[in-house]
């Protein structure tokens, strides 16, 4: 877009996008949002995009990356099998309740549950298997200077206050890395088929979204890549100290739809 009309259109879209991000944050000091186009005119914008926020279960993405990086180095076999009984119990809902204790599951399948349903017992087993050193190495390789993975996913861990953090910009960097790296085909498939679709994808009908949520009592997180007809959009919402996370989730869904419509103007 080098002609004056196209330049004016990009400026118009940038202004509308800034207004939308401001509308979502609405002066709340505990909200962050970041957006980046992956196709068409390169646009990047955020509000409080580098502010550390509670990551909640979004860090399960880092766990999956560390697992697949270890597999690529030959340190882990993704087809290694584990019996359901070895994955522990939880008072929280779990997809593992569908299986008898003697059912064998592969590490690849546990990783799928970790991302598609945010399953805590599966995530905790993988966390102990992978270990903190590999997770730290993954963060370092991606240049995630603020992101930390400090919490486990056992019932005792979940009863305490979460101390794992990330930023909106680093969340986007992580997902863009998965989206653009050929060896992570499994992870892309798992994240596109995420079953927790009450935030970014909620108003997008049949549009695919590669994304991961994070939820705690006062935390609502969703970061993803929207495969819009006019091009891919990377979008992250990190909100903590929210008095009503259900309302925040609806506001994330509404904002994501408005962002998509704003960026669609670039193709008119």
Protein backbone atom coordinates (compact mmCIF):
# COMPACT_ATOMS: atom_id res chain seq x y z
CA UNK A 1 0.00 0.00 0.00
CA UNK A 2 2.13 2.89 -1.27
CA UNK A 3 -0.49 5.20 -2.83
CA UNK A 4 -2.05 8.07 -0.85
CA UNK A 5 -5.48 6.45 -0.68
CA UNK A 6 -4.02 3.24 0.74
CA UNK A 7 -1.88 5.16 3.22
CA UNK A 8 -4.94 7.05 4.41
CA UNK A 9 -6.80 3.77 4.84
CA UNK A 10 -4.03 2.31 6.98
CA UNK A 11 -4.04 5.46 9.12
CA UNK A 12 -7.81 5.22 9.49
CA UNK A 13 -7.55 1.58 10.55
CA UNK A 14 -4.77 2.34 13.02
CA UNK A 15 -6.86 5.07 14.61
CA UNK A 16 -9.92 2.82 14.86
CA UNK A 17 -7.80 0.01 16.30
CA UNK A 18 -6.32 2.29 18.94
CA UNK A 19 -9.82 3.44 19.88
CA UNK A 20 -10.95 -0.18 20.22
CA UNK A 21 -8.04 -1.18 22.44
CA UNK A 22 -8.72 1.87 24.58
CA UNK A 23 -12.39 0.99 24.78
CA UNK A 24 -11.54 -2.50 26.01
CA UNK A 25 -9.05 -1.38 28.65
CA UNK A 26 -11.36 1.49 29.67
CA UNK A 27 -8.87 2.86 32.16
CA UNK A 28 -8.61 -0.42 34.07
CA UNK A 29 -4.98 -0.63 35.28
CA UNK A 30 -5.23 -4.43 35.43
CA UNK A 31 -6.01 -5.01 31.75
CA UNK A 32 -3.55 -5.47 28.88
CA UNK A 33 -4.21 -6.02 25.20
CA UNK A 34 -1.98 -6.48 22.15
CA UNK A 35 -2.69 -6.99 18.46
CA UNK A 36 -0.47 -7.77 15.47
CA UNK A 37 -1.33 -8.49 11.85
CA UNK A 38 0.46 -11.46 10.30
CA UNK A 39 -0.76 -10.79 6.75
CA UNK A 40 -1.20 -7.58 4.77
CA UNK A 41 0.05 -4.23 6.07
CA UNK A 42 2.14 -4.87 9.20
CA UNK A 43 0.38 -3.36 12.21
CA UNK A 44 1.33 -3.76 15.85
CA UNK A 45 -0.43 -2.07 18.72
CA UNK A 46 -0.89 -2.62 22.43
CA UNK A 47 -1.92 -1.05 25.69
CA UNK A 48 0.16 -2.13 28.69
CA UNK A 49 1.59 -4.83 26.43
CA UNK A 50 4.76 -5.22 28.49
CA UNK A 51 3.12 -5.20 31.93
CA UNK A 52 3.42 -8.54 33.79
CA UNK A 53 0.03 -10.14 34.44
CA UNK A 54 -1.07 -13.45 35.88
CA UNK A 55 -0.74 -16.05 33.13
CA UNK A 56 -2.83 -18.76 34.81
CA UNK A 57 -3.11 -21.77 32.48
CA UNK A 58 -1.68 -19.94 29.48
CA UNK A 59 1.72 -21.23 30.67
CA UNK A 60 0.61 -24.71 29.62
CA UNK A 61 1.64 -23.58 26.14
CA UNK A 62 5.23 -23.26 27.39
CA UNK A 63 4.99 -26.74 28.85
CA UNK A 64 3.93 -28.11 25.46
CA UNK A 65 6.77 -26.27 23.71
CA UNK A 66 9.35 -27.61 26.16
CA UNK A 67 8.01 -31.15 25.68
CA UNK A 68 8.17 -30.97 21.88
CA UNK A 69 11.59 -29.32 21.93
CA UNK A 70 12.84 -32.19 24.12
CA UNK A 71 11.29 -34.69 21.71
CA UNK A 72 13.03 -33.01 18.76
CA UNK A 73 16.36 -33.48 20.58
CA UNK A 74 15.60 -37.16 21.17
CA UNK A 75 15.29 -36.73 24.94
CA UNK A 76 11.59 -37.66 25.10
CA UNK A 77 9.47 -40.09 23.08
CA UNK A 78 6.04 -38.59 22.42
CA UNK A 79 4.67 -42.10 21.88
CA UNK A 80 5.77 -43.21 25.34
CA UNK A 81 2.74 -44.59 27.17
CA UNK A 82 1.41 -43.83 30.63
CA UNK A 83 -1.42 -45.57 32.47
CA UNK A 84 -4.34 -43.44 33.57
CA UNK A 85 -3.84 -44.52 37.21
CA UNK A 86 -0.40 -42.87 37.21
CA UNK A 87 -1.86 -39.45 36.43
CA UNK A 88 -3.38 -38.86 39.83
CA UNK A 89 -6.78 -37.59 40.89
CA UNK A 90 -8.34 -34.16 41.15
CA UNK A 91 -11.45 -32.59 42.61
CA UNK A 92 -11.74 -30.46 39.47
CA UNK A 93 -13.30 -31.55 36.15
CA UNK A 94 -10.90 -33.59 34.02
CA UNK A 95 -11.11 -35.25 30.60
CA UNK A 96 -9.28 -38.19 32.18
CA UNK A 97 -12.52 -39.20 33.90
CA UNK A 98 -13.49 -40.71 30.53
CA UNK A 99 -10.83 -43.41 30.92
CA UNK A 100 -10.49 -46.46 33.15
CA UNK A 101 -7.41 -46.75 35.36
CA UNK A 102 -5.78 -49.37 33.13
CA UNK A 103 -6.11 -47.27 29.95
CA UNK A 104 -2.78 -46.40 28.30
CA UNK A 105 -2.25 -42.86 26.99
CA UNK A 106 0.72 -41.45 25.10
CA UNK A 107 2.61 -38.30 26.03
CA UNK A 108 1.32 -36.80 22.78
CA UNK A 109 -2.24 -37.42 23.92
CA UNK A 110 -1.54 -35.93 27.34
CA UNK A 111 -0.17 -32.84 25.63
CA UNK A 112 -3.36 -32.63 23.57
CA UNK A 113 -5.45 -32.74 26.75
CA UNK A 114 -3.15 -30.14 28.31
CA UNK A 115 -3.92 -27.70 25.49
CA UNK A 116 -7.37 -28.65 24.20
CA UNK A 117 -9.11 -28.96 27.58
CA UNK A 118 -6.47 -27.35 29.83
CA UNK A 119 -6.47 -30.59 31.81
CA UNK A 120 -4.64 -30.17 35.11
CA UNK A 121 -3.59 -33.79 35.89
CA UNK A 122 -2.20 -34.17 32.36
CA UNK A 123 -0.36 -30.85 32.69
CA UNK A 124 1.07 -31.75 36.09
CA UNK A 125 2.39 -35.08 34.84
CA UNK A 126 4.07 -33.37 31.89
CA UNK A 127 5.44 -30.59 34.10
CA UNK A 128 7.21 -33.10 36.32
CA UNK A 129 8.44 -35.04 33.30
CA UNK A 130 9.84 -32.02 31.45
CA UNK A 131 11.27 -30.26 34.50
CA UNK A 132 11.89 -26.56 35.18
CA UNK A 133 15.24 -26.39 33.38
CA UNK A 134 13.73 -27.29 30.01
CA UNK A 135 10.87 -24.81 30.51
CA UNK A 136 13.32 -22.04 31.40
CA UNK A 137 15.40 -22.92 28.33
CA UNK A 138 12.29 -22.61 26.15
CA UNK A 139 11.52 -19.16 27.58
CA UNK A 140 15.13 -18.07 27.04
CA UNK A 141 15.14 -19.30 23.45
CA UNK A 142 12.03 -17.23 22.71
CA UNK A 143 13.41 -14.15 24.43
CA UNK A 144 10.64 -14.15 27.03
CA UNK A 145 12.30 -11.88 29.59
CA UNK A 146 9.23 -11.34 31.78
CA UNK A 147 7.34 -14.64 31.49
CA UNK A 148 7.77 -17.02 34.43
CA UNK A 149 6.44 -20.54 35.03
CA UNK A 150 6.39 -21.06 38.78
CA UNK A 151 3.20 -22.99 39.52
CA UNK A 152 2.20 -26.62 39.34
CA UNK A 153 -1.26 -27.97 38.56
CA UNK A 154 -1.98 -30.31 41.48
CA UNK A 155 -4.99 -29.51 43.66
CA UNK A 156 -2.65 -28.19 46.38
CA UNK A 157 -0.90 -25.92 43.87
CA UNK A 158 -4.19 -24.61 42.54
CA UNK A 159 -5.40 -23.79 46.05
CA UNK A 160 -2.63 -21.19 46.42
CA UNK A 161 -2.08 -17.87 44.70
CA UNK A 162 -0.72 -18.16 41.16
CA UNK A 163 2.71 -16.60 40.62
CA UNK A 164 3.24 -17.48 36.95
CA UNK A 165 3.20 -14.34 34.81
CA UNK A 166 3.50 -13.21 31.21
CA UNK A 167 2.79 -10.12 29.15
CA UNK A 168 0.43 -9.57 26.24
CA UNK A 169 3.34 -9.07 23.83
CA UNK A 170 5.21 -12.16 25.05
CA UNK A 171 2.04 -14.26 24.84
CA UNK A 172 1.74 -13.24 21.18
CA UNK A 173 5.41 -13.99 20.55
CA UNK A 174 4.91 -17.50 21.94
CA UNK A 175 1.88 -18.29 19.79
CA UNK A 176 3.38 -16.77 16.63
CA UNK A 177 6.41 -19.03 17.17
CA UNK A 178 4.11 -22.08 17.28
CA UNK A 179 2.15 -20.89 14.25
CA UNK A 180 5.26 -20.36 12.14
CA UNK A 181 7.41 -23.36 13.15
CA UNK A 182 6.83 -26.49 11.01
CA UNK A 183 7.68 -29.04 13.74
CA UNK A 184 4.78 -27.81 15.89
CA UNK A 185 2.02 -29.12 13.63
CA UNK A 186 0.58 -31.13 16.56
CA UNK A 187 0.49 -28.06 18.80
CA UNK A 188 -1.25 -25.99 16.13
CA UNK A 189 -3.86 -28.71 15.73
CA UNK A 190 -4.42 -28.95 19.48
CA UNK A 191 -4.74 -25.18 19.96
CA UNK A 192 -7.10 -24.71 17.00
CA UNK A 193 -9.31 -27.40 18.55
CA UNK A 194 -9.29 -25.80 22.00
CA UNK A 195 -12.64 -26.55 23.65
CA UNK A 196 -12.63 -23.42 25.85
CA UNK A 197 -14.06 -20.95 23.38
CA UNK A 198 -15.87 -18.42 25.58
CA UNK A 199 -13.49 -15.51 24.96
CA UNK A 200 -11.74 -14.60 21.66
CA UNK A 201 -13.64 -17.14 19.48
CA UNK A 202 -17.06 -16.68 21.08
CA UNK A 203 -18.47 -14.23 18.51
CA UNK A 204 -16.47 -15.42 15.50
CA UNK A 205 -18.80 -18.19 14.32
CA UNK A 206 -16.88 -20.64 12.08
CA UNK A 207 -13.59 -18.72 11.92
CA UNK A 208 -10.71 -20.83 13.22
CA UNK A 209 -8.77 -19.52 16.21
CA UNK A 210 -5.52 -20.99 17.49
CA UNK A 211 -5.61 -19.96 21.13
CA UNK A 212 -5.08 -20.72 24.81
CA UNK A 213 -7.00 -19.36 27.75
CA UNK A 214 -6.06 -18.91 31.38
CA UNK A 215 -8.59 -18.61 34.18
CA UNK A 216 -8.54 -18.03 37.92
CA UNK A 217 -11.06 -16.49 40.30
CA UNK A 218 -10.18 -12.93 39.26
CA UNK A 219 -8.14 -13.67 36.10
CA UNK A 220 -9.32 -13.86 32.50
CA UNK A 221 -6.68 -14.52 29.83
CA UNK A 222 -6.92 -15.43 26.18
CA UNK A 223 -4.28 -15.13 23.48
CA UNK A 224 -4.56 -16.46 19.99
CA UNK A 225 -4.29 -16.18 16.24
CA UNK A 226 -7.51 -15.58 14.32
CA UNK A 227 -7.56 -17.09 10.81
CA UNK A 228 -9.79 -14.37 9.40
CA UNK A 229 -10.76 -14.42 5.70
CA UNK A 230 -8.74 -11.22 5.15
CA UNK A 231 -5.63 -12.47 6.98
CA UNK A 232 -4.26 -13.76 10.26
CA UNK A 233 -4.59 -11.60 13.37
CA UNK A 234 -2.62 -12.24 16.57
CA UNK A 235 -4.51 -10.96 19.60
CA UNK A 236 -3.91 -11.18 23.35
CA UNK A 237 -6.04 -10.12 26.31
CA UNK A 238 -4.59 -10.38 29.83
CA UNK A 239 -6.84 -9.27 32.66
CA UNK A 240 -6.38 -9.72 36.39
CA UNK A 241 -8.11 -8.40 39.51
CA UNK A 242 -11.38 -8.55 37.62
CA UNK A 243 -14.51 -8.33 39.80
CA UNK A 244 -16.55 -10.41 37.32
CA UNK A 245 -14.57 -12.66 34.99
CA UNK A 246 -17.72 -13.77 33.16
CA UNK A 247 -18.38 -10.18 32.15
CA UNK A 248 -14.71 -9.72 31.25
CA UNK A 249 -14.90 -12.82 29.05
CA UNK A 250 -17.87 -11.35 27.17
CA UNK A 251 -16.01 -8.06 26.76
CA UNK A 252 -13.01 -9.95 25.32
CA UNK A 253 -15.31 -11.70 22.83
CA UNK A 254 -16.95 -8.41 21.81
CA UNK A 255 -13.59 -6.68 21.43
CA UNK A 256 -12.11 -9.50 19.32
CA UNK A 257 -15.03 -9.24 16.91
CA UNK A 258 -14.60 -5.47 16.63
CA UNK A 259 -10.85 -5.85 16.02
CA UNK A 260 -11.55 -8.35 13.23
CA UNK A 261 -14.07 -5.99 11.60
CA UNK A 262 -11.69 -3.03 11.85
CA UNK A 263 -8.83 -4.92 10.21
CA UNK A 264 -11.16 -6.25 7.49
CA UNK A 265 -11.29 -2.66 6.16
CA UNK A 266 -7.73 -3.13 4.86
CA UNK A 267 -9.04 -5.50 2.19
CA UNK A 268 -11.96 -3.44 0.94
